[in-house]
């Protein structure tokens, strides 16, 4: 009887340990697919769209100076669009395509005013060097989801648009598409 109790306790402990949660770090350079929007989609969309956009901008006579409008999420799930925007921005800056931070202009102007007041030493920020963007970059993520016999089919489109600040004409549009199938098991661990 004592032996049976020990076996039952050992089996219970084994079951408890095997069901325990844990953290495993994965390689962000080689992400795998997941049911929702994740690292794979961010990496593929940013890499492919930056490659296309850079090719277009490198054919222009004047250097591009971009302002990034927020990427809109029009999907059925929560997506942290800033993560995608940050990846795109970092990749373009690495290729010497720069951005004007329109949201910081108010703070920059206050700093310039303070410098002109005489309260700051000679290292004050000079007036007349702010840049204006010659292009606005904006994006949208959309999806369509269908359920069929326990499978969820999700079609995702990431679109980036480049619009001239001088003319208001959209000069370039790039898209990255994903088609995902996820099996929804009734019972799972």
Foldseek 3Di string as FASTA:
>chain_A
DVVVVVVVVVVVVVVVVVPDDDDDDDDLVDDDDDPDDDSVNLVVFLVVVLVVVVVVQVVDPDAFEEEEDFEAEAEPDDDPRVSSVVSNQVVVVVVVRHYAHPVCVVVLVVQQVCVVVPPDPPVGDHPDDHDDGQKYKYKYKYWDWDDDPQKIKIKIKIKIWIAGPVPRDTDDMDIDIDIDIDGHDPDDD
